[in-house]
Amino acid sequence: MQTIFEIILPAKIDNVIRGSKIPFYVFTLYAIISTVRSFIHLLAPDGGAGTIAGMDLSVTGADGIIFAFGLWGSSQLLFAIIQLLVVIRYRSLVPFMWLMLALEVLLRELVGKMKPVTFAHTPPGAIGNQILLPLALVMLAWSLWSAYRQTDKVQH
C-alpha cells in the first residue's frame, strides 16, 4: 500500500496515470489555459495589466507595472511548459502538480492580501483563483484517493 508521499512523488516517474484519469484530463485542460494565459501576459503590449486586469496605466511608473506583468508571463510560461511536460511525458506527477498549483494559488492570494492593488474591476485571475483553489484541492484529493484505492485493490 502506497503512502500519500509515494503517490505525490513516486519513486518511478513515468507516463502512467495511477488512479482515476479525471484529474489528469482536468489538469490537461488547465495546462492549455495556463499556456495561453502566460503568452497573453508575456506578449500583450501592456501585459494585460490595463486591458484585462483594469489597472490604471496613466500613472507614473506604469512602465514598471507592464514590465512586472511581462515577467509574470515569462514565469507562468515556464510553469506551463512543466505542466505540458507532465501531460505529455510524466503523467505520474499529476498529483504533485495539483499540489503545486494549490500552493501557487495560495501564495498569490497571500501576496494579494500583503500587497493589495486597486483595480477598475475584478480581474479574471482573481475570479479564477476562487475557482482554481477548490478545484486543485478536489483534484489533488481525487488523484490521491483513486491511486491509493487502485494500489489497495492490486495488493488484495
C-alpha atoms as a PDB file:
ATOM      1  CA  MET A   1       0.000   0.000   0.000  1.00  0.00           C
ATOM      2  CA  GLN A   2       1.426   3.369  -1.065  1.00  0.00           C
ATOM      3  CA  THR A   3       1.685   6.342   1.230  1.00  0.00           C
ATOM      4  CA  ILE A   4       0.447   9.757   0.178  1.00  0.00           C
ATOM      5  CA  PHE A   5       4.061  10.875  -0.198  1.00  0.00           C
ATOM      6  CA  GLU A   6       4.796   7.976  -2.575  1.00  0.00           C
ATOM      7  CA  ILE A   7       1.778   8.901  -4.699  1.00  0.00           C
ATOM      8  CA  ILE A   8       2.708  12.590  -4.845  1.00  0.00           C
ATOM      9  CA  LEU A   9       6.399  11.876  -5.529  1.00  0.00           C
ATOM     10  CA  PRO A  10       6.626   8.376  -6.982  1.00  0.00           C
ATOM     11  CA  ALA A  11       9.984   6.592  -6.973  1.00  0.00           C
ATOM     12  CA  LYS A  12       9.427   5.800 -10.638  1.00  0.00           C
ATOM     13  CA  ILE A  13       8.416   8.875 -12.614  1.00  0.00           C
ATOM     14  CA  ASP A  14       6.772   7.608 -15.770  1.00  0.00           C
ATOM     15  CA  ASN A  15       3.870   8.244 -18.102  1.00  0.00           C
ATOM     16  CA  VAL A  16       1.409   6.061 -16.168  1.00  0.00           C
ATOM     17  CA  ILE A  17      -1.712   7.589 -14.677  1.00  0.00           C
ATOM     18  CA  ARG A  18      -2.338   5.962 -11.325  1.00  0.00           C
ATOM     19  CA  GLY A  19      -5.941   6.034 -10.211  1.00  0.00           C
ATOM     20  CA  SER A  20      -8.700   7.954 -11.944  1.00  0.00           C
ATOM     21  CA  LYS A  21      -7.983   9.666 -15.258  1.00  0.00           C
ATOM     22  CA  ILE A  22     -10.305  12.584 -14.478  1.00  0.00           C
ATOM     23  CA  PRO A  23      -7.691  14.601 -12.517  1.00  0.00           C
ATOM     24  CA  PHE A  24      -5.364  14.118 -15.497  1.00  0.00           C
ATOM     25  CA  TYR A  25      -7.945  15.342 -18.040  1.00  0.00           C
ATOM     26  CA  VAL A  26      -8.814  18.383 -15.926  1.00  0.00           C
ATOM     27  CA  PHE A  27      -5.101  19.107 -15.455  1.00  0.00           C
ATOM     28  CA  THR A  28      -4.569  18.866 -19.230  1.00  0.00           C
ATOM     29  CA  LEU A  29      -7.269  21.486 -19.796  1.00  0.00           C
ATOM     30  CA  TYR A  30      -5.722  23.710 -17.129  1.00  0.00           C
ATOM     31  CA  ALA A  31      -2.222  23.326 -18.667  1.00  0.00           C
ATOM     32  CA  ILE A  32      -3.565  24.545 -22.012  1.00  0.00           C
ATOM     33  CA  ILE A  33      -5.334  27.516 -20.393  1.00  0.00           C
ATOM     34  CA  SER A  34      -2.182  28.276 -18.394  1.00  0.00           C
ATOM     35  CA  THR A  35      -0.095  28.306 -21.569  1.00  0.00           C
ATOM     36  CA  VAL A  36      -2.466  30.758 -23.285  1.00  0.00           C
ATOM     37  CA  ARG A  37      -2.593  32.975 -20.176  1.00  0.00           C
ATOM     38  CA  SER A  38       1.192  33.101 -19.950  1.00  0.00           C
ATOM     39  CA  PHE A  39       1.521  34.161 -23.601  1.00  0.00           C
ATOM     40  CA  ILE A  40      -1.021  36.944 -23.052  1.00  0.00           C
ATOM     41  CA  HIS A  41       0.967  38.372 -20.119  1.00  0.00           C
ATOM     42  CA  LEU A  42       4.233  37.931 -21.985  1.00  0.00           C
ATOM     43  CA  LEU A  43       3.211  39.286 -25.400  1.00  0.00           C
ATOM     44  CA  ALA A  44       0.374  41.792 -24.875  1.00  0.00           C
ATOM     45  CA  PRO A  45       1.664  45.372 -25.192  1.00  0.00           C
ATOM     46  CA  ASP A  46       0.503  46.172 -21.647  1.00  0.00           C
ATOM     47  CA  GLY A  47       0.989  42.617 -20.352  1.00  0.00           C
ATOM     48  CA  GLY A  48      -2.757  42.544 -19.748  1.00  0.00           C
ATOM     49  CA  ALA A  49      -2.394  44.960 -16.825  1.00  0.00           C
ATOM     50  CA  GLY A  50      -4.750  47.575 -18.283  1.00  0.00           C
ATOM     51  CA  THR A  51      -6.685  45.729 -20.958  1.00  0.00           C
ATOM     52  CA  ILE A  52      -7.512  42.676 -18.857  1.00  0.00           C
ATOM     53  CA  ALA A  53      -6.867  43.476 -15.181  1.00  0.00           C
ATOM     54  CA  GLY A  54      -8.208  47.034 -15.450  1.00  0.00           C
ATOM     55  CA  MET A  55      -5.211  48.721 -13.841  1.00  0.00           C
ATOM     56  CA  ASP A  56      -4.764  52.460 -14.400  1.00  0.00           C
ATOM     57  CA  LEU A  57      -1.662  52.729 -16.579  1.00  0.00           C
ATOM     58  CA  SER A  58      -1.803  56.510 -16.889  1.00  0.00           C
ATOM     59  CA  VAL A  59       0.106  56.824 -13.605  1.00  0.00           C
ATOM     60  CA  THR A  60       3.806  57.408 -13.096  1.00  0.00           C
ATOM     61  CA  GLY A  61       5.559  54.055 -13.015  1.00  0.00           C
ATOM     62  CA  ALA A  62       3.162  52.323 -15.407  1.00  0.00           C
ATOM     63  CA  ASP A  63       6.159  51.008 -17.357  1.00  0.00           C
ATOM     64  CA  GLY A  64       7.192  49.113 -14.222  1.00  0.00           C
ATOM     65  CA  ILE A  65       3.726  47.595 -13.923  1.00  0.00           C
ATOM     66  CA  ILE A  66       3.824  46.496 -17.561  1.00  0.00           C
ATOM     67  CA  PHE A  67       7.331  45.112 -17.051  1.00  0.00           C
ATOM     68  CA  ALA A  68       6.191  43.155 -13.966  1.00  0.00           C
ATOM     69  CA  PHE A  69       3.251  41.683 -15.898  1.00  0.00           C
ATOM     70  CA  GLY A  70       5.638  40.629 -18.677  1.00  0.00           C
ATOM     71  CA  LEU A  71       7.947  38.996 -16.132  1.00  0.00           C
ATOM     72  CA  TRP A  72       4.957  37.257 -14.603  1.00  0.00           C
ATOM     73  CA  GLY A  73       4.060  35.948 -18.057  1.00  0.00           C
ATOM     74  CA  SER A  74       7.576  34.562 -18.508  1.00  0.00           C
ATOM     75  CA  SER A  75       7.470  32.721 -15.182  1.00  0.00           C
ATOM     76  CA  GLN A  76       3.957  31.475 -15.973  1.00  0.00           C
ATOM     77  CA  LEU A  77       5.251  30.187 -19.302  1.00  0.00           C
ATOM     78  CA  LEU A  78       7.997  28.206 -17.572  1.00  0.00           C
ATOM     79  CA  PHE A  79       5.425  26.657 -15.225  1.00  0.00           C
ATOM     80  CA  ALA A  80       3.132  25.964 -18.208  1.00  0.00           C
ATOM     81  CA  ILE A  81       5.963  24.166 -20.018  1.00  0.00           C
ATOM     82  CA  ILE A  82       6.455  21.959 -16.961  1.00  0.00           C
ATOM     83  CA  GLN A  83       2.696  21.332 -16.869  1.00  0.00           C
ATOM     84  CA  LEU A  84       2.679  20.360 -20.537  1.00  0.00           C
ATOM     85  CA  LEU A  85       5.665  18.044 -19.992  1.00  0.00           C
ATOM     86  CA  VAL A  86       3.726  16.305 -17.223  1.00  0.00           C
ATOM     87  CA  VAL A  87       0.712  15.939 -19.547  1.00  0.00           C
ATOM     88  CA  ILE A  88       2.806  14.589 -22.412  1.00  0.00           C
ATOM     89  CA  ARG A  89       5.557  12.589 -20.717  1.00  0.00           C
ATOM     90  CA  TYR A  90       5.415  12.429 -16.895  1.00  0.00           C
ATOM     91  CA  ARG A  91       1.780  11.700 -16.041  1.00  0.00           C
ATOM     92  CA  SER A  92       2.640  10.012 -12.748  1.00  0.00           C
ATOM     93  CA  LEU A  93       3.394  13.531 -11.446  1.00  0.00           C
ATOM     94  CA  VAL A  94      -0.185  14.807 -11.874  1.00  0.00           C
ATOM     95  CA  PRO A  95      -0.931  14.630  -8.104  1.00  0.00           C
ATOM     96  CA  PHE A  96       2.294  16.577  -7.417  1.00  0.00           C
ATOM     97  CA  MET A  97       1.296  19.203  -9.970  1.00  0.00           C
ATOM     98  CA  TRP A  98      -2.144  19.619  -8.366  1.00  0.00           C
ATOM     99  CA  LEU A  99      -0.363  20.203  -5.051  1.00  0.00           C
ATOM    100  CA  MET A 100       1.973  22.778  -6.673  1.00  0.00           C
ATOM    101  CA  LEU A 101      -0.996  24.508  -8.291  1.00  0.00           C
ATOM    102  CA  ALA A 102      -2.867  24.751  -4.977  1.00  0.00           C
ATOM    103  CA  LEU A 103       0.252  26.187  -3.318  1.00  0.00           C
ATOM    104  CA  GLU A 104       0.743  28.669  -6.171  1.00  0.00           C
ATOM    105  CA  VAL A 105      -2.817  29.965  -5.800  1.00  0.00           C
ATOM    106  CA  LEU A 106      -2.446  30.199  -2.016  1.00  0.00           C
ATOM    107  CA  LEU A 107       0.747  32.211  -2.441  1.00  0.00           C
ATOM    108  CA  ARG A 108      -0.912  34.527  -4.991  1.00  0.00           C
ATOM    109  CA  GLU A 109      -3.764  35.085  -2.540  1.00  0.00           C
ATOM    110  CA  LEU A 110      -1.256  35.799   0.246  1.00  0.00           C
ATOM    111  CA  VAL A 111       0.590  38.342  -1.897  1.00  0.00           C
ATOM    112  CA  GLY A 112      -2.747  39.947  -2.777  1.00  0.00           C
ATOM    113  CA  LYS A 113      -3.506  40.385   0.934  1.00  0.00           C
ATOM    114  CA  MET A 114       0.007  41.609   1.785  1.00  0.00           C
ATOM    115  CA  LYS A 115       0.306  43.979  -1.179  1.00  0.00           C
ATOM    116  CA  PRO A 116      -3.224  44.959  -2.215  1.00  0.00           C
ATOM    117  CA  VAL A 117      -3.797  46.713  -5.550  1.00  0.00           C
ATOM    118  CA  THR A 118      -6.776  48.747  -6.694  1.00  0.00           C
ATOM    119  CA  PHE A 119      -8.386  47.602  -9.943  1.00  0.00           C
ATOM    120  CA  ALA A 120     -11.109  49.251 -12.051  1.00  0.00           C
ATOM    121  CA  HIS A 121     -12.895  45.895 -11.986  1.00  0.00           C
ATOM    122  CA  THR A 122     -12.239  42.436 -10.611  1.00  0.00           C
ATOM    123  CA  PRO A 123      -9.545  40.853 -12.805  1.00  0.00           C
ATOM    124  CA  PRO A 124     -10.279  37.439 -14.329  1.00  0.00           C
ATOM    125  CA  GLY A 125      -7.346  35.969 -12.371  1.00  0.00           C
ATOM    126  CA  ALA A 126      -8.942  36.952  -9.055  1.00  0.00           C
ATOM    127  CA  ILE A 127     -12.157  35.204 -10.042  1.00  0.00           C
ATOM    128  CA  GLY A 128     -10.135  32.272 -11.386  1.00  0.00           C
ATOM    129  CA  ASN A 129      -8.356  31.873  -8.049  1.00  0.00           C
ATOM    130  CA  GLN A 130     -11.702  31.453  -6.302  1.00  0.00           C
ATOM    131  CA  ILE A 131     -12.472  28.568  -8.663  1.00  0.00           C
ATOM    132  CA  LEU A 132      -8.963  27.170  -9.062  1.00  0.00           C
ATOM    133  CA  LEU A 133      -8.052  26.677  -5.399  1.00  0.00           C
ATOM    134  CA  PRO A 134     -11.030  24.434  -4.556  1.00  0.00           C
ATOM    135  CA  LEU A 135     -10.661  22.669  -7.909  1.00  0.00           C
ATOM    136  CA  ALA A 136      -6.961  21.982  -7.288  1.00  0.00           C
ATOM    137  CA  LEU A 137      -7.669  20.659  -3.789  1.00  0.00           C
ATOM    138  CA  VAL A 138     -10.502  18.421  -5.029  1.00  0.00           C
ATOM    139  CA  MET A 139      -8.385  17.107  -7.929  1.00  0.00           C
ATOM    140  CA  LEU A 140      -5.438  16.509  -5.575  1.00  0.00           C
ATOM    141  CA  ALA A 141      -7.658  14.596  -3.157  1.00  0.00           C
ATOM    142  CA  TRP A 142      -9.283  12.657  -6.017  1.00  0.00           C
ATOM    143  CA  SER A 143      -5.939  11.703  -7.564  1.00  0.00           C
ATOM    144  CA  LEU A 144      -4.542  10.620  -4.182  1.00  0.00           C
ATOM    145  CA  TRP A 145      -7.651   8.694  -3.177  1.00  0.00           C
ATOM    146  CA  SER A 146      -8.055   6.910  -6.501  1.00  0.00           C
ATOM    147  CA  ALA A 147      -4.342   5.987  -6.724  1.00  0.00           C
ATOM    148  CA  TYR A 148      -4.443   4.732  -3.143  1.00  0.00           C
ATOM    149  CA  ARG A 149      -7.574   2.675  -3.857  1.00  0.00           C
ATOM    150  CA  GLN A 150      -6.027   1.264  -7.029  1.00  0.00           C
ATOM    151  CA  THR A 151      -2.890   0.033  -5.215  1.00  0.00           C
ATOM    152  CA  ASP A 152      -5.016  -1.291  -2.364  1.00  0.00           C
ATOM    153  CA  LYS A 153      -7.055  -3.401  -4.836  1.00  0.00           C
ATOM    154  CA  VAL A 154      -3.915  -4.670  -6.556  1.00  0.00           C
ATOM    155  CA  GLN A 155      -2.489  -5.939  -3.272  1.00  0.00           C
ATOM    156  CA  HIS A 156      -5.650  -7.808  -2.235  1.00  0.00           C
END
